[in-house]
Amino acid sequence: MFGTIPADVETILSRPSQAVAGFLERPALKSLRFFVFYHLPFLILLPLLILISPYRLVSGSGFGKRDIFGFPTVIILGLLVLGAVFDRMQRYTVAGGIDPDRKDFFEMRPEGKNLSLYLLMPVSASVFLFFFHPALGYAGMLATAVYCIYQTVVSWARLRNQTILHSLSMYVLSGGLLLLPLLILTLLYNLLKTFRIFREIYS
């Protein structure tokens, strides 16, 4: 399974349609297991690559917790979570949307399971660029992220016989669902802060 990763990354970057067709023929894995096999190895390698980077050794930069749980890791995990949500939303709408009268209301069809996670593999693989220079790492990560998100939207549009614009709107909606808890927490924090201010004023 691990041995297919380099070939998968190369095919996704050079022949995305062929990569998607081949992936859809594979047995579906649980999303968490797919993450562990295909993405977690890169996230584990990232701090090691930063640690032994010639740039870090030459510049004399330190190595701390932020290099282990840093911004690149947050970006990759955020994109993977967004991709997983997008996959579920696409598969859920295939199963009948939100019509409770349908018997398959809570059913999700297997077609396309983990498709977004698969197409995001080049983003995780871009961590190798951080070995050479942080700027190169971020540039490569940004470039592959834009490319992979585009391929994800297009691939789901083809799989669902949607327009690209409709698939893109589903992707944006997935991002909105992820931001909703953060928005609620921000609102609660501001309300609590306002309450404390009023209590100090009138105490």
N, C-alpha and C. Protein backbone atom coordinates (compact mmCIF):
# COMPACT_ATOMS: atom_id res chain seq x y z
N MET A 1 0.84 -1.21 0.00
CA MET A 1 0.00 0.00 0.00
C MET A 1 0.87 1.25 0.00
N PHE A 2 1.90 1.27 0.89
CA PHE A 2 2.80 2.43 0.93
C PHE A 2 3.57 2.58 -0.38
N GLY A 3 3.85 1.43 -1.03
CA GLY A 3 4.65 1.47 -2.24
C GLY A 3 3.97 2.15 -3.41
N THR A 4 2.65 2.29 -3.34
CA THR A 4 1.93 2.93 -4.45
C THR A 4 1.92 4.45 -4.34
N ILE A 5 2.35 5.00 -3.20
CA ILE A 5 2.25 6.44 -2.98
C ILE A 5 3.02 7.26 -4.02
N PRO A 6 4.30 6.96 -4.30
CA PRO A 6 5.01 7.77 -5.32
C PRO A 6 4.33 7.73 -6.68
N ALA A 7 3.88 6.55 -7.10
CA ALA A 7 3.20 6.44 -8.39
C ALA A 7 1.87 7.19 -8.38
N ASP A 8 1.16 7.12 -7.26
CA ASP A 8 -0.11 7.84 -7.14
C ASP A 8 0.10 9.34 -7.26
N VAL A 9 1.09 9.84 -6.55
CA VAL A 9 1.36 11.29 -6.58
C VAL A 9 1.73 11.72 -7.98
N GLU A 10 2.59 10.94 -8.65
CA GLU A 10 3.01 11.29 -10.01
C GLU A 10 1.82 11.27 -10.98
N THR A 11 0.94 10.28 -10.84
CA THR A 11 -0.21 10.17 -11.74
C THR A 11 -1.21 11.28 -11.49
N ILE A 12 -1.43 11.64 -10.23
CA ILE A 12 -2.35 12.73 -9.91
C ILE A 12 -1.87 14.04 -10.53
N LEU A 13 -0.57 14.26 -10.48
CA LEU A 13 -0.01 15.51 -11.00
C LEU A 13 0.03 15.56 -12.52
N SER A 14 0.27 14.41 -13.15
CA SER A 14 0.45 14.41 -14.61
C SER A 14 -0.78 13.93 -15.38
N ARG A 15 -1.51 12.96 -14.81
CA ARG A 15 -2.68 12.39 -15.50
C ARG A 15 -3.82 12.22 -14.51
N PRO A 16 -4.41 13.32 -14.06
CA PRO A 16 -5.43 13.25 -13.00
C PRO A 16 -6.65 12.40 -13.35
N SER A 17 -7.11 12.45 -14.59
CA SER A 17 -8.28 11.66 -14.99
C SER A 17 -7.99 10.17 -14.87
N GLN A 18 -6.80 9.77 -15.29
CA GLN A 18 -6.39 8.37 -15.18
C GLN A 18 -6.25 7.98 -13.71
N ALA A 19 -5.73 8.88 -12.90
CA ALA A 19 -5.57 8.61 -11.47
C ALA A 19 -6.92 8.39 -10.81
N VAL A 20 -7.89 9.22 -11.13
CA VAL A 20 -9.23 9.09 -10.54
C VAL A 20 -9.88 7.79 -10.99
N ALA A 21 -9.77 7.46 -12.27
CA ALA A 21 -10.36 6.22 -12.78
C ALA A 21 -9.77 5.00 -12.08
N GLY A 22 -8.46 5.00 -11.89
CA GLY A 22 -7.83 3.90 -11.19
C GLY A 22 -8.22 3.83 -9.73
N PHE A 23 -8.34 4.99 -9.09
CA PHE A 23 -8.70 5.01 -7.68
C PHE A 23 -10.12 4.49 -7.45
N LEU A 24 -11.04 4.83 -8.34
CA LEU A 24 -12.43 4.41 -8.17
C LEU A 24 -12.61 2.91 -8.30
N GLU A 25 -11.62 2.23 -8.88
CA GLU A 25 -11.68 0.77 -9.01
C GLU A 25 -11.14 0.06 -7.78
N ARG A 26 -10.51 0.80 -6.88
CA ARG A 26 -9.93 0.17 -5.69
C ARG A 26 -11.00 -0.06 -4.62
N PRO A 27 -10.77 -1.03 -3.73
CA PRO A 27 -11.68 -1.20 -2.59
C PRO A 27 -11.62 0.03 -1.69
N ALA A 28 -12.78 0.45 -1.21
CA ALA A 28 -12.85 1.64 -0.37
C ALA A 28 -12.34 1.34 1.03
N LEU A 29 -11.56 2.27 1.58
CA LEU A 29 -11.07 2.17 2.95
C LEU A 29 -11.82 3.16 3.83
N LYS A 30 -11.81 2.92 5.12
CA LYS A 30 -12.34 3.92 6.05
C LYS A 30 -11.47 5.17 5.96
N SER A 31 -12.11 6.32 6.12
CA SER A 31 -11.39 7.58 5.93
C SER A 31 -10.20 7.71 6.87
N LEU A 32 -10.37 7.31 8.14
CA LEU A 32 -9.27 7.41 9.09
C LEU A 32 -8.12 6.50 8.69
N ARG A 33 -8.45 5.30 8.24
CA ARG A 33 -7.41 4.37 7.81
C ARG A 33 -6.69 4.90 6.57
N PHE A 34 -7.45 5.50 5.67
CA PHE A 34 -6.84 6.09 4.47
C PHE A 34 -5.88 7.19 4.87
N PHE A 35 -6.27 8.03 5.82
CA PHE A 35 -5.39 9.10 6.30
C PHE A 35 -4.11 8.53 6.90
N VAL A 36 -4.25 7.50 7.71
CA VAL A 36 -3.08 6.90 8.38
C VAL A 36 -2.10 6.33 7.36
N PHE A 37 -2.61 5.68 6.33
CA PHE A 37 -1.74 5.03 5.36
C PHE A 37 -1.12 6.01 4.35
N TYR A 38 -1.89 7.01 3.94
CA TYR A 38 -1.47 7.83 2.80
C TYR A 38 -1.04 9.26 3.15
N HIS A 39 -1.39 9.74 4.32
CA HIS A 39 -1.05 11.12 4.66
C HIS A 39 -0.21 11.25 5.93
N LEU A 40 -0.50 10.44 6.93
CA LEU A 40 0.22 10.53 8.20
C LEU A 40 1.73 10.34 8.04
N PRO A 41 2.21 9.43 7.17
CA PRO A 41 3.67 9.31 7.02
C PRO A 41 4.35 10.62 6.63
N PHE A 42 3.71 11.41 5.78
CA PHE A 42 4.29 12.70 5.39
C PHE A 42 4.32 13.67 6.56
N LEU A 43 3.26 13.68 7.36
CA LEU A 43 3.20 14.59 8.50
C LEU A 43 4.23 14.21 9.56
N ILE A 44 4.54 12.92 9.66
CA ILE A 44 5.57 12.47 10.59
C ILE A 44 6.96 12.85 10.07
N LEU A 45 7.13 12.79 8.76
CA LEU A 45 8.43 13.13 8.16
C LEU A 45 8.72 14.63 8.20
N LEU A 46 7.68 15.45 8.21
CA LEU A 46 7.87 16.90 8.11
C LEU A 46 8.83 17.46 9.16
N PRO A 47 8.63 17.22 10.47
CA PRO A 47 9.58 17.77 11.45
C PRO A 47 10.99 17.20 11.29
N LEU A 48 11.09 15.94 10.85
CA LEU A 48 12.41 15.35 10.63
C LEU A 48 13.12 16.05 9.47
N LEU A 49 12.39 16.34 8.41
CA LEU A 49 12.98 17.03 7.26
C LEU A 49 13.44 18.43 7.64
N ILE A 50 12.64 19.10 8.48
CA ILE A 50 13.03 20.44 8.95
C ILE A 50 14.27 20.35 9.84
N LEU A 51 14.33 19.30 10.67
CA LEU A 51 15.45 19.14 11.60
C LEU A 51 16.77 18.95 10.86
N ILE A 52 16.77 18.14 9.80
CA ILE A 52 18.02 17.84 9.09
C ILE A 52 18.22 18.73 7.87
N SER A 53 17.39 19.75 7.72
CA SER A 53 17.49 20.64 6.57
C SER A 53 18.83 21.37 6.54
N PRO A 54 19.55 21.36 5.42
CA PRO A 54 20.80 22.12 5.31
C PRO A 54 20.59 23.61 5.56
N TYR A 55 19.44 24.12 5.15
CA TYR A 55 19.16 25.55 5.35
C TYR A 55 19.11 25.87 6.84
N ARG A 56 18.48 25.01 7.63
CA ARG A 56 18.40 25.26 9.07
C ARG A 56 19.78 25.18 9.70
N LEU A 57 20.58 24.22 9.26
CA LEU A 57 21.91 24.05 9.83
C LEU A 57 22.81 25.23 9.48
N VAL A 58 22.70 25.73 8.24
CA VAL A 58 23.53 26.86 7.80
C VAL A 58 23.10 28.15 8.47
N SER A 59 21.79 28.37 8.55
CA SER A 59 21.27 29.61 9.13
C SER A 59 21.34 29.62 10.64
N GLY A 60 21.51 28.43 11.24
CA GLY A 60 21.58 28.34 12.70
C GLY A 60 20.24 28.47 13.38
N SER A 61 19.16 28.20 12.65
CA SER A 61 17.82 28.31 13.23
C SER A 61 17.62 27.22 14.27
N GLY A 62 16.84 27.54 15.29
CA GLY A 62 16.54 26.57 16.32
C GLY A 62 15.47 25.59 15.87
N PHE A 63 15.21 24.60 16.71
CA PHE A 63 14.19 23.59 16.43
C PHE A 63 13.35 23.41 17.68
N GLY A 64 12.05 23.66 17.57
CA GLY A 64 11.18 23.57 18.74
C GLY A 64 9.83 22.96 18.40
N LYS A 65 8.88 23.17 19.31
CA LYS A 65 7.54 22.58 19.13
C LYS A 65 6.84 23.12 17.89
N ARG A 66 7.11 24.38 17.56
CA ARG A 66 6.43 24.97 16.39
C ARG A 66 6.86 24.28 15.10
N ASP A 67 8.04 23.66 15.10
CA ASP A 67 8.48 22.93 13.92
C ASP A 67 7.79 21.58 13.80
N ILE A 68 7.30 21.07 14.93
CA ILE A 68 6.59 19.79 14.92
C ILE A 68 5.11 20.01 14.65
N PHE A 69 4.54 20.99 15.35
CA PHE A 69 3.11 21.30 15.17
C PHE A 69 2.98 22.70 14.57
N GLY A 70 3.66 22.91 13.46
CA GLY A 70 3.71 24.23 12.86
C GLY A 70 2.62 24.49 11.84
N PHE A 71 2.77 25.63 11.16
CA PHE A 71 1.79 26.09 10.20
C PHE A 71 1.60 25.11 9.04
N PRO A 72 2.67 24.51 8.48
CA PRO A 72 2.46 23.55 7.38
C PRO A 72 1.56 22.38 7.79
N THR A 73 1.76 21.86 9.00
CA THR A 73 0.92 20.77 9.48
C THR A 73 -0.52 21.20 9.59
N VAL A 74 -0.74 22.41 10.11
CA VAL A 74 -2.11 22.93 10.25
C VAL A 74 -2.77 23.08 8.89
N ILE A 75 -2.02 23.59 7.91
CA ILE A 75 -2.57 23.76 6.56
C ILE A 75 -2.98 22.41 5.97
N ILE A 76 -2.09 21.43 6.06
CA ILE A 76 -2.38 20.11 5.48
C ILE A 76 -3.58 19.48 6.17
N LEU A 77 -3.60 19.49 7.50
CA LEU A 77 -4.72 18.90 8.23
C LEU A 77 -6.03 19.61 7.91
N GLY A 78 -5.97 20.94 7.79
CA GLY A 78 -7.17 21.69 7.45
C GLY A 78 -7.72 21.31 6.09
N LEU A 79 -6.83 21.18 5.10
CA LEU A 79 -7.26 20.78 3.76
C LEU A 79 -7.81 19.36 3.75
N LEU A 80 -7.22 18.48 4.53
CA LEU A 80 -7.69 17.10 4.58
C LEU A 80 -9.06 17.01 5.23
N VAL A 81 -9.26 17.75 6.31
CA VAL A 81 -10.58 17.75 6.96
C VAL A 81 -11.63 18.32 6.01
N LEU A 82 -11.29 19.41 5.34
CA LEU A 82 -12.21 20.00 4.37
C LEU A 82 -12.52 19.02 3.24
N GLY A 83 -11.50 18.31 2.77
CA GLY A 83 -11.72 17.32 1.73
C GLY A 83 -12.62 16.19 2.19
N ALA A 84 -12.43 15.74 3.43
CA ALA A 84 -13.27 14.66 3.96
C ALA A 84 -14.73 15.10 4.08
N VAL A 85 -14.95 16.33 4.53
CA VAL A 85 -16.31 16.86 4.62
C VAL A 85 -16.93 16.98 3.24
N PHE A 86 -16.16 17.45 2.28
CA PHE A 86 -16.65 17.59 0.90
C PHE A 86 -17.04 16.23 0.32
N ASP A 87 -16.21 15.22 0.56
CA ASP A 87 -16.54 13.87 0.11
C ASP A 87 -17.87 13.40 0.68
N ARG A 88 -18.05 13.59 1.97
CA ARG A 88 -19.27 13.13 2.62
C ARG A 88 -20.49 13.89 2.11
N MET A 89 -20.35 15.17 1.90
CA MET A 89 -21.48 15.94 1.40
C MET A 89 -21.87 15.50 -0.01
N GLN A 90 -20.89 15.25 -0.85
CA GLN A 90 -21.19 14.79 -2.20
C GLN A 90 -21.84 13.41 -2.18
N ARG A 91 -21.32 12.52 -1.37
CA ARG A 91 -21.88 11.17 -1.29
C ARG A 91 -23.25 11.18 -0.62
N TYR A 92 -23.44 12.07 0.33
CA TYR A 92 -24.71 12.16 1.03
C TYR A 92 -25.80 12.68 0.11
N THR A 93 -25.49 13.69 -0.70
CA THR A 93 -26.50 14.23 -1.61
C THR A 93 -26.85 13.21 -2.69
N VAL A 94 -25.91 12.35 -3.04
CA VAL A 94 -26.22 11.28 -3.98
C VAL A 94 -27.27 10.35 -3.40
N ALA A 95 -27.22 10.15 -2.08
CA ALA A 95 -28.10 9.20 -1.43
C ALA A 95 -29.50 9.75 -1.19
N GLY A 96 -29.79 10.95 -1.58
CA GLY A 96 -31.15 11.43 -1.45
C GLY A 96 -31.28 12.78 -0.78
N GLY A 97 -30.19 13.46 -0.52
CA GLY A 97 -30.28 14.80 0.05
C GLY A 97 -30.83 14.80 1.45
N ILE A 98 -31.71 15.74 1.74
CA ILE A 98 -32.23 15.89 3.10
C ILE A 98 -33.73 15.62 3.14
N ASP A 99 -34.21 14.77 2.24
CA ASP A 99 -35.63 14.41 2.22
C ASP A 99 -35.85 13.26 3.20
N PRO A 100 -36.49 13.50 4.37
CA PRO A 100 -36.63 12.45 5.38
C PRO A 100 -37.60 11.35 4.98
N ASP A 101 -38.38 11.55 3.91
CA ASP A 101 -39.33 10.53 3.49
C ASP A 101 -38.65 9.40 2.72
N ARG A 102 -37.43 9.63 2.31
CA ARG A 102 -36.71 8.58 1.59
C ARG A 102 -36.16 7.54 2.56
N LYS A 103 -36.18 6.29 2.15
CA LYS A 103 -35.67 5.22 3.00
C LYS A 103 -34.16 5.31 3.17
N ASP A 104 -33.49 5.89 2.18
CA ASP A 104 -32.03 5.98 2.23
C ASP A 104 -31.58 7.33 2.77
N PHE A 105 -32.38 7.92 3.67
CA PHE A 105 -32.10 9.26 4.20
C PHE A 105 -30.70 9.36 4.78
N PHE A 106 -30.30 8.34 5.55
CA PHE A 106 -28.99 8.37 6.19
C PHE A 106 -27.98 7.48 5.46
N GLU A 107 -28.31 7.06 4.27
CA GLU A 107 -27.42 6.17 3.53
C GLU A 107 -26.45 6.98 2.67
N MET A 108 -25.24 6.51 2.60
CA MET A 108 -24.24 7.16 1.75
C MET A 108 -23.69 6.14 0.78
N ARG A 109 -23.73 6.47 -0.48
CA ARG A 109 -23.25 5.55 -1.49
C ARG A 109 -21.72 5.49 -1.48
N PRO A 110 -21.15 4.34 -1.85
CA PRO A 110 -19.69 4.19 -1.75
C PRO A 110 -18.92 4.90 -2.85
N GLU A 111 -19.58 5.27 -3.97
CA GLU A 111 -18.84 5.87 -5.08
C GLU A 111 -18.14 7.16 -4.65
N GLY A 112 -16.85 7.21 -4.88
CA GLY A 112 -16.10 8.42 -4.59
C GLY A 112 -15.63 8.56 -3.16
N LYS A 113 -15.77 7.51 -2.36
CA LYS A 113 -15.32 7.61 -0.97
C LYS A 113 -13.82 7.90 -0.93
N ASN A 114 -13.44 8.91 -0.17
CA ASN A 114 -12.04 9.34 0.00
C ASN A 114 -11.42 9.89 -1.27
N LEU A 115 -12.24 10.27 -2.25
CA LEU A 115 -11.69 10.79 -3.50
C LEU A 115 -10.90 12.07 -3.27
N SER A 116 -11.44 12.96 -2.45
CA SER A 116 -10.73 14.21 -2.17
C SER A 116 -9.43 13.94 -1.41
N LEU A 117 -9.49 13.03 -0.44
CA LEU A 117 -8.28 12.69 0.31
C LEU A 117 -7.22 12.10 -0.62
N TYR A 118 -7.65 11.33 -1.58
CA TYR A 118 -6.71 10.75 -2.55
C TYR A 118 -6.07 11.84 -3.39
N LEU A 119 -6.88 12.75 -3.91
CA LEU A 119 -6.36 13.79 -4.79
C LEU A 119 -5.52 14.83 -4.05
N LEU A 120 -5.61 14.85 -2.72
CA LEU A 120 -4.80 15.78 -1.93
C LEU A 120 -3.44 15.20 -1.54
N MET A 121 -3.14 14.00 -1.99
CA MET A 121 -1.86 13.39 -1.65
C MET A 121 -0.65 14.23 -2.06
N PRO A 122 -0.65 14.89 -3.23
CA PRO A 122 0.51 15.74 -3.57
C PRO A 122 0.74 16.87 -2.59
N VAL A 123 -0.31 17.35 -1.93
CA VAL A 123 -0.14 18.42 -0.94
C VAL A 123 0.67 17.89 0.24
N SER A 124 0.32 16.70 0.71
CA SER A 124 1.08 16.10 1.80
C SER A 124 2.51 15.78 1.36
N ALA A 125 2.65 15.33 0.12
CA ALA A 125 3.99 14.98 -0.38
C ALA A 125 4.88 16.20 -0.56
N SER A 126 4.28 17.39 -0.62
CA SER A 126 5.08 18.61 -0.80
C SER A 126 5.93 18.94 0.42
N VAL A 127 5.75 18.20 1.52
CA VAL A 127 6.56 18.47 2.72
C VAL A 127 8.05 18.25 2.45
N PHE A 128 8.39 17.44 1.44
CA PHE A 128 9.80 17.21 1.13
C PHE A 128 10.49 18.50 0.70
N LEU A 129 9.74 19.45 0.18
CA LEU A 129 10.33 20.72 -0.25
C LEU A 129 10.83 21.55 0.93
N PHE A 130 10.28 21.30 2.13
CA PHE A 130 10.74 22.03 3.31
C PHE A 130 12.16 21.63 3.71
N PHE A 131 12.63 20.51 3.19
CA PHE A 131 14.01 20.10 3.44
C PHE A 131 14.99 21.10 2.84
N PHE A 132 14.62 21.69 1.71
CA PHE A 132 15.52 22.60 1.00
C PHE A 132 15.42 24.03 1.51
N HIS A 133 14.19 24.52 1.69
CA HIS A 133 14.01 25.90 2.15
C HIS A 133 12.54 26.09 2.54
N PRO A 134 12.27 26.82 3.63
CA PRO A 134 10.87 27.05 4.02
C PRO A 134 10.05 27.74 2.93
N ALA A 135 10.65 28.72 2.25
CA ALA A 135 9.91 29.43 1.20
C ALA A 135 9.53 28.49 0.06
N LEU A 136 10.46 27.60 -0.31
CA LEU A 136 10.18 26.62 -1.35
C LEU A 136 9.08 25.67 -0.90
N GLY A 137 9.11 25.30 0.38
CA GLY A 137 8.09 24.42 0.91
C GLY A 137 6.70 25.03 0.85
N TYR A 138 6.59 26.29 1.29
CA TYR A 138 5.29 26.96 1.27
C TYR A 138 4.81 27.19 -0.16
N ALA A 139 5.73 27.55 -1.05
CA ALA A 139 5.35 27.77 -2.45
C ALA A 139 4.84 26.48 -3.09
N GLY A 140 5.56 25.39 -2.84
CA GLY A 140 5.13 24.10 -3.38
C GLY A 140 3.81 23.64 -2.79
N MET A 141 3.64 23.87 -1.49
CA MET A 141 2.40 23.48 -0.84
C MET A 141 1.22 24.28 -1.39
N LEU A 142 1.42 25.58 -1.58
CA LEU A 142 0.35 26.42 -2.12
C LEU A 142 0.00 26.01 -3.54
N ALA A 143 1.02 25.77 -4.36
CA ALA A 143 0.77 25.40 -5.76
C ALA A 143 0.04 24.07 -5.86
N THR A 144 0.49 23.08 -5.10
CA THR A 144 -0.17 21.77 -5.15
C THR A 144 -1.57 21.83 -4.54
N ALA A 145 -1.76 22.67 -3.53
CA ALA A 145 -3.09 22.79 -2.92
C ALA A 145 -4.10 23.35 -3.92
N VAL A 146 -3.70 24.40 -4.63
CA VAL A 146 -4.60 24.99 -5.64
C VAL A 146 -4.91 23.97 -6.73
N TYR A 147 -3.88 23.28 -7.19
CA TYR A 147 -4.07 22.28 -8.25
C TYR A 147 -4.96 21.13 -7.79
N CYS A 148 -4.70 20.62 -6.59
CA CYS A 148 -5.45 19.46 -6.09
C CYS A 148 -6.90 19.82 -5.77
N ILE A 149 -7.13 21.00 -5.23
CA ILE A 149 -8.50 21.43 -4.97
C ILE A 149 -9.27 21.54 -6.28
N TYR A 150 -8.62 22.11 -7.30
CA TYR A 150 -9.27 22.21 -8.62
C TYR A 150 -9.61 20.82 -9.16
N GLN A 151 -8.66 19.89 -9.07
CA GLN A 151 -8.92 18.54 -9.56
C GLN A 151 -10.02 17.85 -8.76
N THR A 152 -10.08 18.13 -7.46
CA THR A 152 -11.13 17.55 -6.62
C THR A 152 -12.50 18.04 -7.06
N VAL A 153 -12.62 19.34 -7.25
CA VAL A 153 -13.91 19.92 -7.68
C VAL A 153 -14.31 19.37 -9.05
N VAL A 154 -13.37 19.33 -9.98
CA VAL A 154 -13.66 18.84 -11.34
C VAL A 154 -14.00 17.35 -11.32
N SER A 155 -13.26 16.56 -10.56
CA SER A 155 -13.49 15.12 -10.52
C SER A 155 -14.85 14.78 -9.95
N TRP A 156 -15.25 15.48 -8.88
CA TRP A 156 -16.57 15.24 -8.32
C TRP A 156 -17.66 15.71 -9.27
N ALA A 157 -17.42 16.79 -9.99
CA ALA A 157 -18.40 17.26 -10.97
C ALA A 157 -18.62 16.20 -12.06
N ARG A 158 -17.54 15.58 -12.50
CA ARG A 158 -17.67 14.53 -13.52
C ARG A 158 -18.34 13.29 -12.95
N LEU A 159 -17.99 12.93 -11.74
CA LEU A 159 -18.56 11.74 -11.12
C LEU A 159 -20.05 11.89 -10.87
N ARG A 160 -20.46 13.10 -10.50
CA ARG A 160 -21.86 13.36 -10.18
C ARG A 160 -22.65 13.94 -11.35
N ASN A 161 -21.98 14.11 -12.50
CA ASN A 161 -22.62 14.76 -13.66
C ASN A 161 -23.13 16.15 -13.30
N GLN A 162 -22.30 16.89 -12.57
CA GLN A 162 -22.63 18.25 -12.18
C GLN A 162 -21.85 19.24 -13.05
N THR A 163 -22.25 20.50 -12.96
CA THR A 163 -21.40 21.55 -13.51
C THR A 163 -20.26 21.80 -12.52
N ILE A 164 -19.16 22.32 -13.02
CA ILE A 164 -18.04 22.63 -12.14
C ILE A 164 -18.44 23.69 -11.11
N LEU A 165 -19.29 24.62 -11.53
CA LEU A 165 -19.74 25.67 -10.61
C LEU A 165 -20.55 25.08 -9.47
N HIS A 166 -21.40 24.10 -9.77
CA HIS A 166 -22.19 23.46 -8.71
C HIS A 166 -21.29 22.70 -7.74
N SER A 167 -20.32 21.97 -8.29
CA SER A 167 -19.38 21.25 -7.44
C SER A 167 -18.57 22.21 -6.58
N LEU A 168 -18.17 23.34 -7.17
CA LEU A 168 -17.42 24.34 -6.41
C LEU A 168 -18.27 24.92 -5.29
N SER A 169 -19.55 25.14 -5.54
CA SER A 169 -20.43 25.66 -4.49
C SER A 169 -20.56 24.67 -3.35
N MET A 170 -20.55 23.37 -3.65
CA MET A 170 -20.58 22.35 -2.61
C MET A 170 -19.29 22.40 -1.78
N TYR A 171 -18.18 22.65 -2.45
CA TYR A 171 -16.89 22.74 -1.75
C TYR A 171 -16.88 23.94 -0.81
N VAL A 172 -17.38 25.07 -1.30
CA VAL A 172 -17.45 26.27 -0.47
C VAL A 172 -18.39 26.04 0.71
N LEU A 173 -19.50 25.36 0.47
CA LEU A 173 -20.44 25.05 1.55
C LEU A 173 -19.79 24.16 2.60
N SER A 174 -18.96 23.22 2.16
CA SER A 174 -18.24 22.36 3.10
C SER A 174 -17.32 23.19 3.99
N GLY A 175 -16.65 24.18 3.39
CA GLY A 175 -15.81 25.07 4.19
C GLY A 175 -16.62 25.87 5.17
N GLY A 176 -17.82 26.30 4.76
CA GLY A 176 -18.69 27.05 5.65
C GLY A 176 -19.13 26.22 6.85
N LEU A 177 -19.40 24.94 6.61
CA LEU A 177 -19.80 24.06 7.71
C LEU A 177 -18.66 23.89 8.72
N LEU A 178 -17.43 23.85 8.21
CA LEU A 178 -16.28 23.73 9.11
C LEU A 178 -16.08 25.00 9.94
N LEU A 179 -16.37 26.15 9.34
CA LEU A 179 -16.17 27.42 10.03
C LEU A 179 -17.31 27.75 11.00
N LEU A 180 -18.44 27.06 10.86
CA LEU A 180 -19.59 27.36 11.71
C LEU A 180 -19.29 27.18 13.20
N PRO A 181 -18.67 26.07 13.63
CA PRO A 181 -18.34 25.95 15.07
C PRO A 181 -17.41 27.07 15.54
N LEU A 182 -16.44 27.45 14.70
CA LEU A 182 -15.53 28.54 15.06
C LEU A 182 -16.29 29.84 15.21
N LEU A 183 -17.26 30.08 14.34
CA LEU A 183 -18.07 31.29 14.42
C LEU A 183 -18.90 31.31 15.70
N ILE A 184 -19.44 30.16 16.06
CA ILE A 184 -20.24 30.07 17.29
C ILE A 184 -19.37 30.32 18.52
N LEU A 185 -18.17 29.73 18.53
CA LEU A 185 -17.25 29.94 19.66
C LEU A 185 -16.83 31.40 19.76
N THR A 186 -16.59 32.04 18.62
CA THR A 186 -16.22 33.46 18.61
C THR A 186 -17.36 34.31 19.16
N LEU A 187 -18.58 33.99 18.77
CA LEU A 187 -19.75 34.72 19.25
C LEU A 187 -19.91 34.56 20.76
N LEU A 188 -19.75 33.33 21.25
CA LEU A 188 -19.86 33.10 22.69
C LEU A 188 -18.76 33.82 23.45
N TYR A 189 -17.56 33.84 22.90
CA TYR A 189 -16.45 34.53 23.54
C TYR A 189 -16.73 36.03 23.64
N ASN A 190 -17.23 36.61 22.56
CA ASN A 190 -17.53 38.04 22.56
C ASN A 190 -18.66 38.38 23.52
N LEU A 191 -19.66 37.50 23.61
CA LEU A 191 -20.75 37.73 24.56
C LEU A 191 -20.25 37.67 25.99
N LEU A 192 -19.37 36.70 26.27
CA LEU A 192 -18.80 36.58 27.60
C LEU A 192 -17.95 37.79 27.94
N LYS A 193 -17.17 38.25 26.97
CA LYS A 193 -16.32 39.42 27.19
C LYS A 193 -17.17 40.66 27.43
N THR A 194 -18.26 40.81 26.68
CA THR A 194 -19.17 41.94 26.86
C THR A 194 -19.82 41.90 28.23
N PHE A 195 -20.21 40.71 28.67
CA PHE A 195 -20.82 40.55 29.99
C PHE A 195 -19.85 40.96 31.09
N ARG A 196 -18.57 40.58 30.94
CA ARG A 196 -17.57 40.95 31.95
C ARG A 196 -17.35 42.45 31.98
N ILE A 197 -17.37 43.10 30.82
CA ILE A 197 -17.19 44.55 30.76
C ILE A 197 -18.34 45.26 31.48
N PHE A 198 -19.57 44.83 31.20
CA PHE A 198 -20.73 45.44 31.86
C PHE A 198 -20.71 45.18 33.36
N ARG A 199 -20.25 44.01 33.76
CA ARG A 199 -20.19 43.70 35.19
C ARG A 199 -19.17 44.58 35.89
N GLU A 200 -18.02 44.86 35.22
CA GLU A 200 -17.02 45.75 35.81
C GLU A 200 -17.53 47.19 35.87
N ILE A 201 -18.32 47.60 34.88
CA ILE A 201 -18.83 48.97 34.85
C ILE A 201 -19.85 49.20 35.97
N TYR A 202 -20.73 48.24 36.15
CA TYR A 202 -21.85 48.44 37.09
C TYR A 202 -21.60 47.79 38.46
N SER A 203 -20.39 47.25 38.66
CA SER A 203 -20.11 46.66 39.98
C SER A 203 -19.66 47.72 40.97
